[in-house]
Structure formats: C-alpha cells, structure tokens
Amino acid sequence: MLAIRHLPRLRVPVVRLEKARPVVERYMLLGTVLVVLFAVACSVVAFSSNDDASAGMIRVTVRQGDSLWTFARQYGDPDEYILKRVHKIARINNIKMSRPLEPGQELIIPCERKTVCASTDRQMP
C-alpha cells in the first residue's frame, strides 16, 4: 500500500488578486460585448421578419362569398398560422374582422406564395 509521503508533492501556484483583476475585468468586458452583440443580432433578425414583409402585394376585388379566411388560405404562407394571416390582411386594409366583406370592395393582399402571385392576373400596378 502506498503512503501519502511517497506521492510527489504538487505545487499549486498562488495567484494574487491584484494580478488577476485586470484579466478578470477584460473577460467581463469581453463577455458584456458579446452579450450586447448577440442581443442586437437577435433584434435585427426579429425586425427583418416583420409581418408586413412579404413576397408581393396584390389588389383583389371581393366577390360574393369571399372572406378574409379565403384570401388568407389562397395567398398566405401555408407554414404560418391562418389566424395570423387573417389579422395581417385586416391590418393592412384597416378593416375590422367582425364586419363582413362586401362584394365589389377592393383589398390589398400580401402574397406569400410566389407561384400563386405570379400566376394571378390581379397584380397591383
């Protein structure tokens, strides 16, 4: 069996606080700068994916039986929740969702599906 006296002695360097302070302050400053840069990058991504940013806008004349839901389903992004698409159309056209659409009314629809937008003949001038 080995005794403790046979083990090599380990010498642990003692770091004086006054020598470590500038290094700690540099790392704290670096950490703070990185956190601020990360927050700015996240906010830029959040603002670049704004609700009003879309592939295009089209002008549509409402026909009998049309609703915000039908336009949201037809022209909206299928990966986005449909109620969010409906709210977006209502907000762009400054209409209340509780009021029904009237035939002949013109709406501006954000067109997220590029293939549908390109094939429609109702593009905005």
N, C-alpha and C. Protein backbone atom coordinates (compact mmCIF):
# COMPACT_ATOMS: atom_id res chain seq x y z
N MET A 1 0.83 -1.18 0.00
CA MET A 1 0.00 0.00 0.00
C MET A 1 0.88 1.24 0.00
N LEU A 2 0.40 2.22 -0.75
CA LEU A 2 1.18 3.44 -0.87
C LEU A 2 0.85 4.40 0.25
N ALA A 3 1.82 5.01 0.74
CA ALA A 3 1.59 6.02 1.77
C ALA A 3 1.60 7.40 1.11
N ILE A 4 0.99 8.32 1.74
CA ILE A 4 0.91 9.67 1.19
C ILE A 4 2.29 10.27 1.06
N ARG A 5 3.20 9.91 1.91
CA ARG A 5 4.54 10.50 1.85
C ARG A 5 5.31 10.06 0.62
N HIS A 6 4.86 9.01 -0.05
CA HIS A 6 5.53 8.55 -1.26
C HIS A 6 5.03 9.24 -2.53
N LEU A 7 3.92 9.95 -2.43
CA LEU A 7 3.37 10.65 -3.59
C LEU A 7 4.16 11.93 -3.85
N PRO A 8 4.30 12.31 -5.12
CA PRO A 8 5.04 13.55 -5.40
C PRO A 8 4.25 14.75 -4.89
N ARG A 9 4.98 15.73 -4.50
CA ARG A 9 4.33 16.93 -4.00
C ARG A 9 3.90 17.80 -5.16
N LEU A 10 2.68 18.23 -5.08
CA LEU A 10 2.15 19.12 -6.10
C LEU A 10 2.26 20.55 -5.62
N ARG A 11 2.77 21.36 -6.47
CA ARG A 11 2.89 22.77 -6.11
C ARG A 11 1.84 23.54 -6.90
N VAL A 12 0.92 24.12 -6.22
CA VAL A 12 -0.14 24.90 -6.81
C VAL A 12 0.27 26.37 -6.76
N PRO A 13 0.32 26.99 -7.92
CA PRO A 13 0.71 28.40 -7.88
C PRO A 13 -0.38 29.25 -7.23
N VAL A 14 0.05 30.18 -6.45
CA VAL A 14 -0.87 31.08 -5.78
C VAL A 14 -0.99 32.34 -6.64
N VAL A 15 -2.21 32.64 -7.00
CA VAL A 15 -2.45 33.82 -7.82
C VAL A 15 -2.87 34.95 -6.91
N ARG A 16 -2.18 36.01 -7.00
CA ARG A 16 -2.51 37.17 -6.19
C ARG A 16 -3.68 37.90 -6.85
N LEU A 17 -4.59 38.41 -6.06
CA LEU A 17 -5.78 39.05 -6.57
C LEU A 17 -5.45 40.30 -7.39
N GLU A 18 -4.47 41.03 -6.97
CA GLU A 18 -4.14 42.26 -7.70
C GLU A 18 -3.60 41.96 -9.10
N LYS A 19 -3.03 40.79 -9.31
CA LYS A 19 -2.56 40.41 -10.64
C LYS A 19 -3.70 39.86 -11.50
N ALA A 20 -4.70 39.26 -10.90
CA ALA A 20 -5.79 38.66 -11.65
C ALA A 20 -6.87 39.66 -12.01
N ARG A 21 -6.97 40.77 -11.30
CA ARG A 21 -8.04 41.71 -11.52
C ARG A 21 -8.11 42.23 -12.97
N PRO A 22 -7.01 42.68 -13.59
CA PRO A 22 -7.11 43.16 -14.97
C PRO A 22 -7.58 42.07 -15.95
N VAL A 23 -7.17 40.84 -15.71
CA VAL A 23 -7.58 39.75 -16.58
C VAL A 23 -9.07 39.49 -16.43
N VAL A 24 -9.56 39.47 -15.20
CA VAL A 24 -10.98 39.26 -14.94
C VAL A 24 -11.79 40.40 -15.54
N GLU A 25 -11.31 41.62 -15.40
CA GLU A 25 -12.03 42.76 -15.97
C GLU A 25 -12.09 42.68 -17.49
N ARG A 26 -11.02 42.23 -18.12
CA ARG A 26 -11.03 42.08 -19.58
C ARG A 26 -12.04 41.03 -20.01
N TYR A 27 -12.08 39.90 -19.31
CA TYR A 27 -13.04 38.86 -19.66
C TYR A 27 -14.48 39.30 -19.41
N MET A 28 -14.69 40.07 -18.35
CA MET A 28 -16.04 40.59 -18.10
C MET A 28 -16.45 41.57 -19.18
N LEU A 29 -15.53 42.43 -19.62
CA LEU A 29 -15.83 43.36 -20.69
C LEU A 29 -16.10 42.61 -22.00
N LEU A 30 -15.30 41.61 -22.29
CA LEU A 30 -15.50 40.81 -23.49
C LEU A 30 -16.85 40.09 -23.45
N GLY A 31 -17.20 39.54 -22.30
CA GLY A 31 -18.48 38.86 -22.15
C GLY A 31 -19.65 39.82 -22.33
N THR A 32 -19.53 41.02 -21.79
CA THR A 32 -20.58 42.02 -21.93
C THR A 32 -20.75 42.43 -23.39
N VAL A 33 -19.63 42.63 -24.08
CA VAL A 33 -19.70 43.00 -25.50
C VAL A 33 -20.35 41.88 -26.31
N LEU A 34 -20.02 40.64 -26.03
CA LEU A 34 -20.62 39.52 -26.75
C LEU A 34 -22.11 39.41 -26.50
N VAL A 35 -22.54 39.64 -25.27
CA VAL A 35 -23.97 39.59 -24.95
C VAL A 35 -24.72 40.70 -25.68
N VAL A 36 -24.14 41.90 -25.72
CA VAL A 36 -24.78 43.02 -26.42
C VAL A 36 -24.86 42.73 -27.92
N LEU A 37 -23.79 42.21 -28.51
CA LEU A 37 -23.81 41.88 -29.94
C LEU A 37 -24.84 40.80 -30.25
N PHE A 38 -24.96 39.82 -29.37
CA PHE A 38 -25.95 38.77 -29.57
C PHE A 38 -27.36 39.34 -29.51
N ALA A 39 -27.61 40.24 -28.56
CA ALA A 39 -28.94 40.85 -28.44
C ALA A 39 -29.26 41.70 -29.67
N VAL A 40 -28.28 42.43 -30.18
CA VAL A 40 -28.51 43.23 -31.38
C VAL A 40 -28.78 42.33 -32.58
N ALA A 41 -28.03 41.25 -32.71
CA ALA A 41 -28.24 40.33 -33.83
C ALA A 41 -29.63 39.70 -33.76
N CYS A 42 -30.08 39.33 -32.58
CA CYS A 42 -31.41 38.75 -32.43
C CYS A 42 -32.50 39.76 -32.77
N SER A 43 -32.32 41.01 -32.38
CA SER A 43 -33.33 42.01 -32.69
C SER A 43 -33.36 42.32 -34.18
N VAL A 44 -32.21 42.28 -34.84
CA VAL A 44 -32.18 42.50 -36.30
C VAL A 44 -32.94 41.40 -37.00
N VAL A 45 -32.76 40.17 -36.57
CA VAL A 45 -33.47 39.04 -37.17
C VAL A 45 -34.97 39.18 -36.91
N ALA A 46 -35.35 39.61 -35.72
CA ALA A 46 -36.76 39.76 -35.39
C ALA A 46 -37.40 40.87 -36.24
N PHE A 47 -36.69 41.98 -36.43
CA PHE A 47 -37.26 43.07 -37.22
C PHE A 47 -37.25 42.76 -38.71
N SER A 48 -36.30 41.95 -39.17
CA SER A 48 -36.27 41.64 -40.59
C SER A 48 -37.39 40.67 -40.97
N SER A 49 -37.92 39.92 -40.01
CA SER A 49 -39.03 39.03 -40.29
C SER A 49 -40.34 39.67 -39.86
N ASN A 50 -40.47 40.95 -40.15
CA ASN A 50 -41.66 41.73 -39.81
C ASN A 50 -42.88 41.16 -40.52
N ASP A 51 -44.07 41.34 -39.93
CA ASP A 51 -45.30 40.81 -40.52
C ASP A 51 -45.60 41.41 -41.88
N ASP A 52 -45.27 42.66 -42.10
CA ASP A 52 -45.62 43.32 -43.35
C ASP A 52 -44.65 42.99 -44.49
N ALA A 53 -43.53 42.36 -44.17
CA ALA A 53 -42.61 41.97 -45.23
C ALA A 53 -43.18 40.76 -45.94
N SER A 54 -43.33 40.88 -47.24
CA SER A 54 -43.93 39.78 -47.98
C SER A 54 -43.33 39.70 -49.36
N ALA A 55 -43.68 38.63 -50.07
CA ALA A 55 -43.18 38.43 -51.42
C ALA A 55 -43.75 39.45 -52.37
N GLY A 56 -44.95 39.93 -52.13
CA GLY A 56 -45.58 40.90 -53.00
C GLY A 56 -46.95 41.26 -52.49
N MET A 57 -47.55 42.23 -53.14
CA MET A 57 -48.90 42.65 -52.77
C MET A 57 -49.75 42.59 -54.03
N ILE A 58 -50.98 42.15 -53.87
CA ILE A 58 -51.91 42.15 -54.99
C ILE A 58 -53.19 42.84 -54.57
N ARG A 59 -53.88 43.40 -55.53
CA ARG A 59 -55.16 44.05 -55.28
C ARG A 59 -56.25 43.08 -55.74
N VAL A 60 -57.21 42.84 -54.86
CA VAL A 60 -58.26 41.86 -55.13
C VAL A 60 -59.62 42.54 -54.94
N THR A 61 -60.54 42.25 -55.84
CA THR A 61 -61.92 42.71 -55.70
C THR A 61 -62.73 41.59 -55.08
N VAL A 62 -63.42 41.91 -54.00
CA VAL A 62 -64.19 40.91 -53.26
C VAL A 62 -65.41 40.49 -54.07
N ARG A 63 -65.64 39.18 -54.13
CA ARG A 63 -66.82 38.63 -54.79
C ARG A 63 -67.76 38.05 -53.74
N GLN A 64 -68.94 37.72 -54.14
CA GLN A 64 -69.92 37.13 -53.22
C GLN A 64 -69.34 35.85 -52.61
N GLY A 65 -69.40 35.74 -51.30
CA GLY A 65 -68.92 34.55 -50.59
C GLY A 65 -67.46 34.59 -50.17
N ASP A 66 -66.71 35.62 -50.60
CA ASP A 66 -65.30 35.74 -50.19
C ASP A 66 -65.21 36.22 -48.75
N SER A 67 -64.17 35.81 -48.09
CA SER A 67 -63.91 36.27 -46.73
C SER A 67 -62.42 36.44 -46.55
N LEU A 68 -62.03 37.02 -45.43
CA LEU A 68 -60.60 37.16 -45.14
C LEU A 68 -59.93 35.79 -45.05
N TRP A 69 -60.68 34.81 -44.56
CA TRP A 69 -60.13 33.47 -44.44
C TRP A 69 -59.80 32.87 -45.81
N THR A 70 -60.68 33.09 -46.79
CA THR A 70 -60.41 32.52 -48.12
C THR A 70 -59.19 33.17 -48.74
N PHE A 71 -59.03 34.47 -48.57
CA PHE A 71 -57.85 35.14 -49.12
C PHE A 71 -56.58 34.71 -48.37
N ALA A 72 -56.69 34.55 -47.04
CA ALA A 72 -55.54 34.11 -46.26
C ALA A 72 -55.11 32.70 -46.66
N ARG A 73 -56.08 31.85 -46.92
CA ARG A 73 -55.78 30.49 -47.32
C ARG A 73 -55.19 30.44 -48.74
N GLN A 74 -55.73 31.27 -49.62
CA GLN A 74 -55.32 31.24 -51.02
C GLN A 74 -53.94 31.87 -51.23
N TYR A 75 -53.67 33.01 -50.61
CA TYR A 75 -52.46 33.76 -50.90
C TYR A 75 -51.42 33.72 -49.79
N GLY A 76 -51.77 33.24 -48.61
CA GLY A 76 -50.86 33.29 -47.48
C GLY A 76 -49.84 32.17 -47.46
N ASP A 77 -48.90 32.31 -46.57
CA ASP A 77 -47.85 31.31 -46.37
C ASP A 77 -48.47 30.11 -45.65
N PRO A 78 -48.40 28.91 -46.24
CA PRO A 78 -49.05 27.76 -45.60
C PRO A 78 -48.38 27.34 -44.29
N ASP A 79 -47.16 27.80 -44.05
CA ASP A 79 -46.47 27.45 -42.80
C ASP A 79 -46.84 28.39 -41.66
N GLU A 80 -47.55 29.46 -41.97
CA GLU A 80 -47.95 30.44 -40.96
C GLU A 80 -49.37 30.13 -40.49
N TYR A 81 -49.63 30.34 -39.23
CA TYR A 81 -50.95 30.10 -38.66
C TYR A 81 -51.98 30.96 -39.37
N ILE A 82 -53.11 30.38 -39.76
CA ILE A 82 -54.08 31.08 -40.61
C ILE A 82 -54.68 32.30 -39.94
N LEU A 83 -54.89 32.26 -38.64
CA LEU A 83 -55.46 33.42 -37.96
C LEU A 83 -54.50 34.60 -38.01
N LYS A 84 -53.21 34.32 -37.95
CA LYS A 84 -52.21 35.38 -38.07
C LYS A 84 -52.26 35.99 -39.48
N ARG A 85 -52.46 35.16 -40.50
CA ARG A 85 -52.60 35.65 -41.87
C ARG A 85 -53.84 36.53 -42.01
N VAL A 86 -54.96 36.10 -41.40
CA VAL A 86 -56.20 36.88 -41.46
C VAL A 86 -56.01 38.24 -40.80
N HIS A 87 -55.37 38.26 -39.63
CA HIS A 87 -55.11 39.52 -38.93
C HIS A 87 -54.23 40.44 -39.77
N LYS A 88 -53.26 39.87 -40.47
CA LYS A 88 -52.37 40.67 -41.31
C LYS A 88 -53.15 41.35 -42.43
N ILE A 89 -54.03 40.61 -43.09
CA ILE A 89 -54.84 41.20 -44.17
C ILE A 89 -55.75 42.29 -43.62
N ALA A 90 -56.38 42.04 -42.47
CA ALA A 90 -57.26 43.04 -41.87
C ALA A 90 -56.49 44.29 -41.48
N ARG A 91 -55.30 44.13 -40.94
CA ARG A 91 -54.50 45.27 -40.51
C ARG A 91 -54.03 46.10 -41.71
N ILE A 92 -53.61 45.45 -42.79
CA ILE A 92 -53.14 46.17 -43.97
C ILE A 92 -54.27 46.99 -44.59
N ASN A 93 -55.48 46.43 -44.59
CA ASN A 93 -56.62 47.10 -45.21
C ASN A 93 -57.41 47.97 -44.24
N ASN A 94 -56.98 48.00 -42.99
CA ASN A 94 -57.62 48.82 -41.96
C ASN A 94 -59.12 48.50 -41.84
N ILE A 95 -59.41 47.22 -41.75
CA ILE A 95 -60.81 46.79 -41.58
C ILE A 95 -60.93 45.96 -40.32
N LYS A 96 -62.13 45.93 -39.76
CA LYS A 96 -62.38 45.13 -38.57
C LYS A 96 -62.74 43.72 -39.00
N MET A 97 -62.24 42.75 -38.28
CA MET A 97 -62.50 41.35 -38.62
C MET A 97 -63.95 40.97 -38.35
N SER A 98 -64.64 41.71 -37.50
CA SER A 98 -66.01 41.37 -37.15
C SER A 98 -67.01 41.77 -38.25
N ARG A 99 -66.60 42.65 -39.15
CA ARG A 99 -67.50 43.09 -40.21
C ARG A 99 -67.32 42.22 -41.45
N PRO A 100 -68.41 41.83 -42.09
CA PRO A 100 -68.29 41.01 -43.30
C PRO A 100 -67.80 41.86 -44.48
N LEU A 101 -67.16 41.19 -45.43
CA LEU A 101 -66.71 41.88 -46.64
C LEU A 101 -67.89 42.07 -47.58
N GLU A 102 -67.87 43.16 -48.31
CA GLU A 102 -68.94 43.47 -49.25
C GLU A 102 -68.46 43.21 -50.67
N PRO A 103 -69.29 42.61 -51.51
CA PRO A 103 -68.89 42.40 -52.91
C PRO A 103 -68.57 43.74 -53.58
N GLY A 104 -67.49 43.74 -54.35
CA GLY A 104 -67.03 44.96 -55.01
C GLY A 104 -65.97 45.71 -54.22
N GLN A 105 -65.82 45.37 -52.96
CA GLN A 105 -64.81 46.01 -52.11
C GLN A 105 -63.42 45.58 -52.59
N GLU A 106 -62.46 46.50 -52.61
CA GLU A 106 -61.11 46.17 -53.03
C GLU A 106 -60.22 46.01 -51.81
N LEU A 107 -59.41 44.97 -51.82
CA LEU A 107 -58.48 44.69 -50.73
C LEU A 107 -57.08 44.57 -51.28
N ILE A 108 -56.11 44.92 -50.45
CA ILE A 108 -54.71 44.68 -50.77
C ILE A 108 -54.30 43.46 -49.95
N ILE A 109 -53.82 42.45 -50.65
CA ILE A 109 -53.47 41.18 -50.01
C ILE A 109 -51.97 40.95 -50.11
N PRO A 110 -51.29 40.67 -48.98
CA PRO A 110 -49.89 40.29 -49.07
C PRO A 110 -49.81 38.88 -49.64
N CYS A 111 -49.07 38.73 -50.69
CA CYS A 111 -48.99 37.44 -51.39
C CYS A 111 -47.69 36.75 -51.00
N GLU A 112 -47.79 35.69 -50.23
CA GLU A 112 -46.62 34.96 -49.75
C GLU A 112 -46.25 33.81 -50.69
N ARG A 113 -47.21 33.24 -51.35
CA ARG A 113 -46.94 32.14 -52.27
C ARG A 113 -46.55 32.71 -53.62
N LYS A 114 -45.27 32.63 -53.95
CA LYS A 114 -44.77 33.27 -55.16
C LYS A 114 -45.39 32.66 -56.42
N THR A 115 -45.65 31.36 -56.40
CA THR A 115 -46.23 30.74 -57.60
C THR A 115 -47.65 31.21 -57.81
N VAL A 116 -48.42 31.38 -56.74
CA VAL A 116 -49.79 31.87 -56.85
C VAL A 116 -49.78 33.33 -57.26
N CYS A 117 -48.88 34.12 -56.69
CA CYS A 117 -48.80 35.54 -57.01
C CYS A 117 -48.41 35.74 -58.47
N ALA A 118 -47.51 34.95 -58.98
CA ALA A 118 -47.07 35.11 -60.36
C ALA A 118 -48.14 34.69 -61.35
N SER A 119 -48.96 33.73 -60.97
CA SER A 119 -49.97 33.23 -61.91
C SER A 119 -51.26 34.04 -61.90
N THR A 120 -51.42 34.90 -60.91
CA THR A 120 -52.66 35.67 -60.84
C THR A 120 -52.59 36.87 -61.77
N ASP A 121 -53.74 37.28 -62.29
CA ASP A 121 -53.77 38.43 -63.18
C ASP A 121 -54.19 39.68 -62.42
N ARG A 122 -54.27 39.58 -61.09
CA ARG A 122 -54.73 40.72 -60.29
C ARG A 122 -53.57 41.38 -59.55
N GLN A 123 -52.45 41.58 -60.22
CA GLN A 123 -51.29 42.21 -59.61
C GLN A 123 -51.54 43.70 -59.41
N MET A 124 -50.93 44.27 -58.37
CA MET A 124 -51.05 45.71 -58.13
C MET A 124 -50.21 46.46 -59.14
N PRO A 125 -50.66 47.62 -59.58
CA PRO A 125 -49.86 48.42 -60.53
C PRO A 125 -48.63 49.00 -59.86
